[in-house]
Amino acid sequence: MGSASCRVIMYRLVFAMVVVLLVYGCCGVQSEMKDKVMPSGREQVLRAVKPTSGTFTLLGRSGVLSTMISSSTFNPLKPLKGLDRKGSHGGTPFDMVLGDGTKVGGLFFEYNDGNADPKPLIIASFGFLQDRWGTEAAKFYNLYIKDPAQRIPAHVLILDHPSAGPFLACNACLSMGSYDDARMWIEIALHLKNTMELSGIHVFGVSMSGQSVVHALIEDKRLGLGLFNSGMVFSIAPDFQKAPGKQLAQLKTPEGIANPWTDYFGQIPEMTLLERIQNTALWMLMKKQFIPGYNFVRSSDIEFTLNRIYLAVFFRKAFEYRIAFLREHAGDSWNHEEISLADLDAFMASTRIAGVIDRVDVPLVLVSAYDDPAVKREMFAEVRSAAQGNPWVVAFETDNGGHFGFNAAYGKDYIGDIVRLMLNRQVIDTWVSHN
């Protein structure tokens, strides 16, 4: 064989080897790139809930400051943030009468990006005493709805919490929410799904409304409805008897009338300085939001007032009336075996989140702060422990953030980035696995 032929064969062999190496090399690079850019949806959310090292914190672990700064104004005449009840924010009033006669209200913020594709919907509520015009609704609106350039890409329905003044005005009783609230959300979601072009429905809750989110996901599954694509919970209050039940148990009552919230604790719990601040904040919410909200909805009636010394008794009676109503109107879809309507104490005990979180099988993110001044850290630790081993739940505790004051500690994009991830279909579809 001539030298020329040998060289040709050698060139071909070298060329073949180069091609093989390139192919395997590209496959390795592609595999490596795929692993880097295509983590599971759960992993993407886990990364997002961990604040970056360069974030700003307020005097270390100062949850009171984080909470106050994010929720308050510098106007002494109007100390709490709030949306204009007359509608200057642009939201559309939402009212609905449910099957059992319960009247619910809220504000609907339509999202329009210029195309006709179906949009996702977020159903949101912001906890104890919070109505559609309240402090936390205003905060959410200013951070994630008001600016078109920073707008969360979804319709947003902000609902009154059933412990808020407008709910009392419409129904003559109050609900502590939780499982009861979840059932209301399910009926609302069914209505909107049948009347709107939606790409998905997501539930968002803060504090006591976090209970509503968890129970809504569980009930949706139990009833086989498939309504909700994900849940988002911040600063959850997972056990009403402990919070805000403790704050209610510490309130003074008229002479000769025992505080009806103390039975769970055996006696009136002693108050720390922080708890005295919380009780003042509770009265401020009543005076500046609850009572004005009630009177706005019932503007044609006699003005509603409430003395501070009657708060504990008032809330107990209002919640007990609601439990009696639910017991009389409970339908076939109610989970009678596990949700007790025997009395208010039984209802609160049956809706504790640590007892049900393991049943969630829809993507759910729970974020709470180490320095939350309203909910003791042990309460969130109990929920995290109960959720261990459930791949559908991401439960994370930040160092700072107070009670839904994460924007003060970590900037407005912190929660916004988490919400955008939970709205992402790819994140939801690949929550547990790449496949």
Foldseek 3Di string as FASTA:
>chain_A
DDPVVVVVVVVVVVVVVVVVCVVVVVVVVVVVVCCVPQDALQVVLVVLLAFDPPFFADPFADLVVLVQVLAADPDPVAGGAWADPVCPLPWDKDWDQDPLRQIWIWTKDAADPPDDAAFEEEEEEEAAQDARTGRVVRSCCVLAPRDNVRHQGHIYIYITQQNFQQSCLRPVFGANAQLVVLVVVVRVLVVCVVVGRHPAYEYEYFASCLSSQLNNLLLCVVVVPPHHQEYEYEHYQQFVLVPPLLLLLQAAAPPPDHQPSCVVVPHNDDDDPLSVVVNVVVVCSCVNGRQVSNCVNVVVDDRDDDDRNCVRVRNQVRNQVVLVSCVVRPDPSDPPVQQDSPGDVSNSVSSRQLVCNCSRDHAYEYEYECSASRHHPVSLVSNVVSNPPRLNYHYDYHHYQHRVSVCVGGNSCSVVVSVSSSSDPSSRVRSRHSD
